[in-house]
Amino acid sequence: MTRSVTLDTLDRRLIHALQIDGRASFNRIATVLGIPERTVARRYHRLRSALVVRVVGLIDSRRIGMLDWFVRIDCAPGAADALTAALAQRDDTSWIAPLAGGTGLTCIVRTPVSSTDGGRPLFDHLLRTPGIRDVEAGCVLRPVAGLGGWAGRTSALDASEQAALLSPATEPPGGPQAPAEASDWGAAEARLAGELARDGRVDVRRLASVTGWSASTVRRRVAGLRAAGVLHFEVDVDPSCFGFPVEALLWLEVAPAALAEVTQALSRHDAVAFAAVTTGRAAVFAMVQCRDTGALYDYLAGELAALPGIGRMETALVQRRAKRAGPLLVPARAERPKRRKSGTETTG
């Protein structure tokens, strides 16, 4: 659970900068924002230690031979909390959200492709778990909205500032890196991904330690994975900090002929934090963020209702987020940033 923190203009500009490049050095961010590097570092560490903001490294499952599933679980009264706590400890689950009403939850589960076990041991285990009445899983076929970050946290920088952060940073040793291939994924890459999931800004020396690579190899490998689209960085921050405390999940039945038009429209809707085409009864799953339930109604009856081909819609309010993109973290009792000389903050 995050502590109560009010985001000011500088916080929002910093968060937007990190969404553009989660591993940009404090020095580079400070230059773009036009403020001292020490101020940037202090703000980031304050938000990070309060568990309000975290940069997480995320892996595109499809590119490493894995599948993502949106799983909806119907529980008996009183069983949801225990199940939520158990799932939150698993490395293969994320975005765990108990639903309002207390008898259901949703989560994302990553499994091997169907050519191996297809994730059946986990799903079979869920179906045999006391207190679970039903499990419905939809495989993610293609994410269609929210890939560059929710619009609510990517509106603080102007076009020139965004362009400055998007420009290539200093190249790692060896020059431009060729995109990585999925076949290159191994145990060391998995350990790298695990560390970056916990902290996307973790020091290169730590990454070298867990992978057994040299620092220069770490920089080259991270650059190659990013170039290939295997690895990207996301800012994990509670939308309520931006004034959008109402989160709703949508399951949309969409006619095949309208699927492309609907998904393209969702990618432009400010309320949509994420959306994907999935298998199952509902072709599209979406997460939306709103200021209140009135704003949610306005979105459903306005922008969403105007789209063609939506035959049926189901909505559910999220009660809370038990787990977001990265592994669970425990609040630090007294986390303080270490003193660094100006210009030495380098994440690689």
Protein backbone atom coordinates (compact mmCIF):
# COMPACT_ATOMS: atom_id res chain seq x y z
CA MET A 1 0.00 0.00 0.00
CA THR A 2 1.36 3.43 -0.94
CA ARG A 3 1.64 6.30 1.46
CA SER A 4 -0.42 9.41 0.84
CA VAL A 5 1.57 11.64 -1.53
CA THR A 6 0.35 14.62 -3.50
CA LEU A 7 1.98 14.95 -6.92
CA ASP A 8 2.95 18.49 -7.88
CA THR A 9 3.88 19.77 -11.34
CA LEU A 10 7.52 18.72 -11.04
CA ASP A 11 6.56 15.22 -9.90
CA ARG A 12 4.31 14.84 -12.94
CA ARG A 13 7.02 16.10 -15.29
CA LEU A 14 9.48 13.64 -13.78
CA ILE A 15 7.01 10.75 -14.11
CA HIS A 16 6.36 11.65 -17.76
CA ALA A 17 10.11 11.75 -18.43
CA LEU A 18 10.56 8.31 -16.86
CA GLN A 19 7.69 6.92 -18.93
CA ILE A 20 9.54 8.03 -22.06
CA ASP A 21 12.85 6.53 -20.93
CA GLY A 22 12.78 4.70 -17.63
CA ARG A 23 16.56 4.30 -17.53
CA ALA A 24 17.50 7.85 -18.51
CA SER A 25 20.10 9.23 -16.09
CA PHE A 26 19.06 11.88 -13.59
CA ASN A 27 21.53 14.17 -15.31
CA ARG A 28 19.81 13.77 -18.67
CA ILE A 29 16.34 14.24 -17.18
CA ALA A 30 17.51 17.31 -15.26
CA THR A 31 18.91 18.85 -18.46
CA VAL A 32 15.61 18.37 -20.29
CA LEU A 33 13.50 19.62 -17.38
CA GLY A 34 15.81 22.57 -16.75
CA ILE A 35 16.35 21.87 -13.04
CA PRO A 36 19.30 20.72 -10.91
CA GLU A 37 20.18 17.03 -11.06
CA ARG A 38 20.09 16.84 -7.25
CA THR A 39 16.46 17.98 -7.30
CA VAL A 40 15.50 15.27 -9.80
CA ALA A 41 17.24 12.57 -7.74
CA ARG A 42 15.67 13.77 -4.50
CA ARG A 43 12.17 13.83 -6.00
CA TYR A 44 12.53 10.38 -7.51
CA HIS A 45 13.84 8.78 -4.31
CA ARG A 46 11.06 10.41 -2.28
CA LEU A 47 8.39 8.96 -4.57
CA ARG A 48 10.18 5.60 -4.87
CA SER A 49 10.64 5.13 -1.12
CA ALA A 50 6.96 5.94 -0.54
CA LEU A 51 6.06 3.22 -3.11
CA VAL A 52 4.21 5.83 -5.16
CA VAL A 53 6.39 5.55 -8.26
CA ARG A 54 8.47 2.66 -9.54
CA VAL A 55 10.12 2.06 -12.90
CA VAL A 56 9.68 -1.57 -13.94
CA GLY A 57 11.20 -3.50 -16.81
CA LEU A 58 8.59 -5.51 -18.69
CA ILE A 59 9.11 -8.34 -21.15
CA ASP A 60 6.96 -8.94 -24.25
CA SER A 61 5.84 -12.49 -23.56
CA ARG A 62 5.23 -13.34 -27.20
CA ARG A 63 8.85 -12.61 -28.10
CA ILE A 64 10.26 -15.11 -25.59
CA GLY A 65 7.82 -17.95 -26.24
CA MET A 66 5.33 -17.20 -23.47
CA LEU A 67 1.64 -16.31 -23.33
CA ASP A 68 -0.26 -13.76 -21.24
CA TRP A 69 -3.78 -14.51 -20.00
CA PHE A 70 -6.41 -12.27 -18.44
CA VAL A 71 -7.91 -14.51 -15.78
CA ARG A 72 -11.21 -13.82 -14.07
CA ILE A 73 -11.91 -15.84 -10.94
CA ASP A 74 -15.26 -16.15 -9.20
CA CYS A 75 -14.89 -16.97 -5.51
CA ALA A 76 -17.13 -17.99 -2.67
CA PRO A 77 -17.77 -15.23 -0.10
CA GLY A 78 -14.70 -14.77 2.08
CA ALA A 79 -12.29 -16.63 -0.20
CA ALA A 80 -11.08 -13.75 -2.37
CA ASP A 81 -8.65 -12.21 0.12
CA ALA A 82 -6.73 -15.43 0.77
CA LEU A 83 -6.55 -16.22 -2.93
CA THR A 84 -5.38 -12.70 -3.74
CA ALA A 85 -2.58 -12.94 -1.16
CA ALA A 86 -1.46 -16.32 -2.51
CA LEU A 87 -1.45 -15.22 -6.15
CA ALA A 88 0.44 -12.02 -5.31
CA GLN A 89 3.44 -14.07 -4.18
CA ARG A 90 3.77 -15.83 -7.54
CA ASP A 91 6.29 -14.61 -10.11
CA ASP A 92 3.97 -15.52 -12.99
CA THR A 93 1.09 -13.25 -11.90
CA SER A 94 0.63 -9.47 -12.16
CA TRP A 95 -2.09 -6.80 -12.13
CA ILE A 96 -4.07 -8.61 -9.44
CA ALA A 97 -7.28 -6.76 -8.66
CA PRO A 98 -10.05 -7.88 -6.29
CA LEU A 99 -13.33 -6.61 -7.72
CA ALA A 100 -15.91 -4.55 -5.88
CA GLY A 101 -18.44 -6.87 -4.27
CA GLY A 102 -15.86 -9.14 -2.68
CA THR A 103 -16.45 -12.37 -4.60
CA GLY A 104 -14.23 -11.98 -7.65
CA LEU A 105 -10.79 -10.96 -8.81
CA THR A 106 -8.86 -10.58 -12.03
CA CYS A 107 -5.18 -10.97 -12.79
CA ILE A 108 -2.70 -11.49 -15.59
CA VAL A 109 -0.97 -14.87 -15.70
CA ARG A 110 2.07 -15.70 -17.84
CA THR A 111 2.45 -19.28 -19.03
CA PRO A 112 4.53 -21.25 -21.51
CA VAL A 113 3.13 -21.60 -25.03
CA SER A 114 0.69 -24.42 -25.78
CA SER A 115 3.50 -26.50 -27.31
CA THR A 116 4.66 -27.19 -23.75
CA ASP A 117 2.21 -27.32 -20.84
CA GLY A 118 0.14 -24.29 -21.91
CA GLY A 119 -0.23 -23.19 -18.31
CA ARG A 120 -2.67 -25.96 -17.45
CA PRO A 121 -1.06 -26.88 -14.11
CA LEU A 122 -1.83 -23.40 -12.74
CA PHE A 123 -5.35 -23.30 -14.15
CA ASP A 124 -6.07 -26.84 -13.00
CA HIS A 125 -4.76 -25.94 -9.55
CA LEU A 126 -7.08 -22.94 -9.40
CA LEU A 127 -10.09 -25.06 -10.31
CA ARG A 128 -9.23 -27.50 -7.50
CA THR A 129 -8.71 -24.74 -4.92
CA PRO A 130 -11.44 -24.63 -2.25
CA GLY A 131 -13.54 -21.51 -2.48
CA ILE A 132 -13.09 -20.98 -6.24
CA ARG A 133 -16.33 -21.41 -8.13
CA ASP A 134 -15.24 -20.58 -11.66
CA VAL A 135 -12.17 -19.57 -13.68
CA GLU A 136 -12.39 -17.85 -17.05
CA ALA A 137 -9.20 -17.16 -19.00
CA GLY A 138 -8.66 -15.23 -22.21
CA CYS A 139 -5.31 -15.39 -24.00
CA VAL A 140 -3.90 -12.04 -25.07
CA LEU A 141 -3.64 -12.05 -28.84
CA ARG A 142 -2.53 -8.44 -29.27
CA PRO A 143 -2.26 -5.42 -26.95
CA VAL A 144 -3.95 -2.47 -28.72
CA ALA A 145 -3.91 0.48 -26.29
CA GLY A 146 -1.81 1.83 -23.44
CA LEU A 147 1.52 0.50 -24.66
CA GLY A 148 3.19 3.90 -24.38
CA GLY A 149 1.70 4.62 -20.98
CA TRP A 150 -1.68 5.80 -19.81
CA ALA A 151 -2.50 9.31 -21.13
CA GLY A 152 -3.11 10.57 -17.60
CA ARG A 153 0.59 10.38 -16.80
CA THR A 154 1.99 11.36 -20.21
CA SER A 155 0.74 14.91 -20.60
CA ALA A 156 3.18 16.94 -18.48
CA LEU A 157 5.98 17.55 -21.02
CA ASP A 158 5.74 19.58 -24.22
CA ALA A 159 6.66 18.19 -27.64
CA SER A 160 10.23 19.51 -27.61
CA GLU A 161 10.94 18.01 -24.17
CA GLN A 162 9.54 14.66 -25.25
CA ALA A 163 11.65 14.73 -28.41
CA ALA A 164 14.78 15.47 -26.37
CA LEU A 165 14.17 12.39 -24.20
CA LEU A 166 13.31 10.22 -27.20
CA SER A 167 16.57 11.06 -28.95
CA PRO A 168 19.15 8.26 -28.61
CA ALA A 169 21.19 8.43 -25.44
CA THR A 170 24.90 7.68 -25.35
CA GLU A 171 25.50 4.40 -27.15
CA PRO A 172 26.85 1.48 -25.15
CA PRO A 173 30.37 0.28 -25.89
CA GLY A 174 30.57 -1.25 -29.35
CA GLY A 175 28.24 1.22 -31.08
CA PRO A 176 24.63 0.66 -32.17
CA GLN A 177 23.22 -2.67 -31.07
CA ALA A 178 21.48 -5.15 -33.34
CA PRO A 179 18.04 -6.21 -32.10
CA ALA A 180 18.05 -9.33 -29.97
CA GLU A 181 16.38 -12.53 -31.13
CA ALA A 182 13.93 -14.60 -29.08
CA SER A 183 16.24 -17.60 -29.51
CA ASP A 184 18.89 -15.68 -27.57
CA TRP A 185 16.74 -15.80 -24.42
CA GLY A 186 18.32 -17.88 -21.69
CA ALA A 187 18.77 -18.20 -17.94
CA ALA A 188 20.94 -15.09 -17.67
CA GLU A 189 18.36 -13.03 -19.56
CA ALA A 190 15.65 -14.34 -17.23
CA ARG A 191 17.68 -13.21 -14.20
CA LEU A 192 18.22 -9.84 -15.87
CA ALA A 193 14.48 -9.50 -16.45
CA GLY A 194 13.74 -10.44 -12.84
CA GLU A 195 15.99 -7.70 -11.48
CA LEU A 196 14.58 -5.09 -13.88
CA ALA A 197 11.03 -6.08 -12.91
CA ARG A 198 11.85 -5.25 -9.31
CA ASP A 199 13.60 -2.01 -10.18
CA GLY A 200 13.94 -0.81 -13.76
CA ARG A 201 16.65 1.64 -12.70
CA VAL A 202 18.82 -0.87 -10.88
CA ASP A 203 22.55 -0.20 -11.18
CA VAL A 204 24.50 -1.89 -13.96
CA ARG A 205 26.86 -3.38 -11.38
CA ARG A 206 23.95 -5.23 -9.76
CA LEU A 207 22.79 -6.53 -13.15
CA ALA A 208 26.32 -7.70 -13.90
CA SER A 209 26.39 -9.55 -10.58
CA VAL A 210 23.14 -11.46 -11.11
CA THR A 211 23.82 -12.32 -14.78
CA GLY A 212 27.52 -13.08 -14.58
CA TRP A 213 28.16 -10.67 -17.44
CA SER A 214 30.53 -7.72 -17.56
CA ALA A 215 29.08 -4.22 -17.22
CA SER A 216 29.65 -3.55 -20.92
CA THR A 217 27.85 -6.79 -21.85
CA VAL A 218 24.91 -5.80 -19.64
CA ARG A 219 24.65 -2.45 -21.43
CA ARG A 220 24.84 -4.10 -24.87
CA ARG A 221 22.28 -6.77 -23.95
CA VAL A 222 19.79 -4.31 -22.48
CA ALA A 223 20.15 -2.10 -25.55
CA GLY A 224 19.63 -5.08 -27.87
CA LEU A 225 16.54 -6.29 -26.01
CA ARG A 226 15.06 -2.80 -26.10
CA ALA A 227 15.79 -2.42 -29.81
CA ALA A 228 14.04 -5.73 -30.50
CA GLY A 229 10.96 -4.75 -28.50
CA VAL A 230 11.56 -7.63 -26.09
CA LEU A 231 12.15 -5.26 -23.16
CA HIS A 232 10.50 -1.95 -22.36
CA PHE A 233 10.16 0.18 -19.26
CA GLU A 234 6.96 1.37 -17.64
CA VAL A 235 6.27 3.74 -14.76
CA ASP A 236 4.18 1.91 -12.17
CA VAL A 237 2.12 4.59 -10.39
CA ASP A 238 -1.35 4.55 -8.89
CA PRO A 239 -3.71 6.61 -11.11
CA SER A 240 -5.45 7.90 -7.97
CA CYS A 241 -2.35 10.07 -7.43
CA PHE A 242 -3.36 11.90 -10.60
CA GLY A 243 -6.96 12.32 -9.46
CA PHE A 244 -8.39 9.23 -11.20
CA PRO A 245 -9.35 6.87 -8.35
CA VAL A 246 -12.07 4.94 -10.20
CA GLU A 247 -10.74 1.97 -12.16
CA ALA A 248 -13.08 -0.20 -14.19
CA LEU A 249 -12.55 -3.34 -16.24
CA LEU A 250 -14.47 -3.81 -19.47
CA TRP A 251 -15.18 -6.97 -21.44
CA LEU A 252 -16.47 -6.11 -24.92
CA GLU A 253 -18.05 -8.46 -27.43
CA VAL A 254 -17.11 -6.98 -30.80
CA ALA A 255 -18.15 -8.07 -34.29
CA PRO A 256 -15.10 -9.28 -36.27
CA ALA A 257 -15.69 -6.72 -39.03
CA ALA A 258 -15.53 -3.90 -36.49
CA LEU A 259 -12.58 -5.17 -34.45
CA ALA A 260 -9.90 -3.05 -36.15
CA GLU A 261 -11.97 0.14 -35.94
CA VAL A 262 -12.87 -0.41 -32.28
CA THR A 263 -9.33 -1.17 -31.17
CA GLN A 264 -7.89 1.80 -33.07
CA ALA A 265 -10.43 4.06 -31.39
CA LEU A 266 -9.65 2.66 -27.93
CA SER A 267 -5.97 3.49 -28.46
CA ARG A 268 -6.98 7.17 -28.78
CA HIS A 269 -9.34 7.34 -25.79
CA ASP A 270 -7.79 9.17 -22.84
CA ALA A 271 -9.71 7.06 -20.31
CA VAL A 272 -8.23 3.78 -21.57
CA ALA A 273 -5.16 2.75 -19.59
CA PHE A 274 -4.78 -0.56 -21.43
CA ALA A 275 -6.70 -2.68 -23.91
CA ALA A 276 -6.05 -5.95 -25.70
CA VAL A 277 -7.71 -8.37 -28.10
CA THR A 278 -8.19 -11.71 -26.39
CA THR A 279 -9.68 -15.13 -26.91
CA GLY A 280 -12.97 -16.01 -25.21
CA ARG A 281 -16.50 -14.63 -25.23
CA ALA A 282 -15.32 -11.02 -25.08
CA ALA A 283 -12.96 -10.15 -27.92
CA VAL A 284 -11.62 -7.04 -26.20
CA PHE A 285 -10.54 -6.49 -22.60
CA ALA A 286 -9.88 -2.93 -21.39
CA MET A 287 -8.87 -1.08 -18.23
CA VAL A 288 -10.20 2.47 -17.88
CA GLN A 289 -9.41 5.22 -15.35
CA CYS A 290 -11.96 7.88 -14.35
CA ARG A 291 -12.28 10.70 -11.82
CA ASP A 292 -15.58 9.33 -10.48
CA THR A 293 -18.45 7.04 -11.39
CA GLY A 294 -20.19 9.88 -13.21
CA ALA A 295 -17.20 10.22 -15.52
CA LEU A 296 -17.26 6.45 -16.06
CA TYR A 297 -20.89 6.66 -17.14
CA ASP A 298 -20.08 9.53 -19.49
CA TYR A 299 -17.35 7.47 -21.11
CA LEU A 300 -19.50 4.35 -21.49
CA ALA A 301 -22.49 6.28 -22.83
CA GLY A 302 -20.42 8.63 -24.97
CA GLU A 303 -17.11 7.67 -26.59
CA LEU A 304 -17.56 3.92 -26.15
CA ALA A 305 -21.22 3.85 -27.20
CA ALA A 306 -20.36 5.69 -30.40
CA LEU A 307 -18.18 2.83 -31.62
CA PRO A 308 -19.74 0.38 -34.10
CA GLY A 309 -19.91 -3.36 -33.69
CA ILE A 310 -20.00 -3.63 -29.89
CA GLY A 311 -22.73 -6.15 -29.23
CA ARG A 312 -22.43 -6.63 -25.47
CA MET A 313 -20.45 -5.00 -22.70
CA GLU A 314 -19.69 -6.13 -19.16
CA THR A 315 -18.09 -3.85 -16.57
CA ALA A 316 -16.64 -4.34 -13.10
CA LEU A 317 -15.18 -1.86 -10.64
CA VAL A 318 -11.77 -2.61 -9.17
CA GLN A 319 -11.81 -2.56 -5.38
CA ARG A 320 -8.03 -2.17 -5.08
CA ARG A 321 -4.79 -3.22 -6.74
CA ALA A 322 -3.17 -5.99 -4.73
CA LYS A 323 -0.30 -6.22 -7.21
CA ARG A 324 0.64 -4.15 -10.23
CA ALA A 325 3.25 -4.75 -12.93
CA GLY A 326 6.30 -5.64 -10.82
CA PRO A 327 6.88 -7.93 -7.85
CA LEU A 328 5.53 -6.89 -4.47
CA LEU A 329 7.73 -4.53 -2.50
CA VAL A 330 7.89 -3.88 1.23
CA PRO A 331 8.01 -0.19 2.26
CA ALA A 332 11.43 0.89 3.48
CA ARG A 333 11.54 2.21 7.02
CA ALA A 334 13.98 4.98 6.31
CA GLU A 335 15.18 4.85 2.73
CA ARG A 336 17.48 7.69 1.84
CA PRO A 337 19.24 8.25 -1.47
CA LYS A 338 22.99 7.91 -1.32
CA ARG A 339 24.99 11.03 -2.05
CA ARG A 340 26.31 11.11 -5.58
CA LYS A 341 28.56 13.52 -7.30
CA SER A 342 26.89 15.61 -9.99
CA GLY A 343 26.62 13.80 -13.30
CA THR A 344 27.52 10.34 -11.96
CA GLU A 345 24.01 8.83 -11.92
CA THR A 346 24.22 6.22 -14.66
CA THR A 347 21.80 3.36 -15.10
CA GLY A 348 22.99 2.28 -18.52
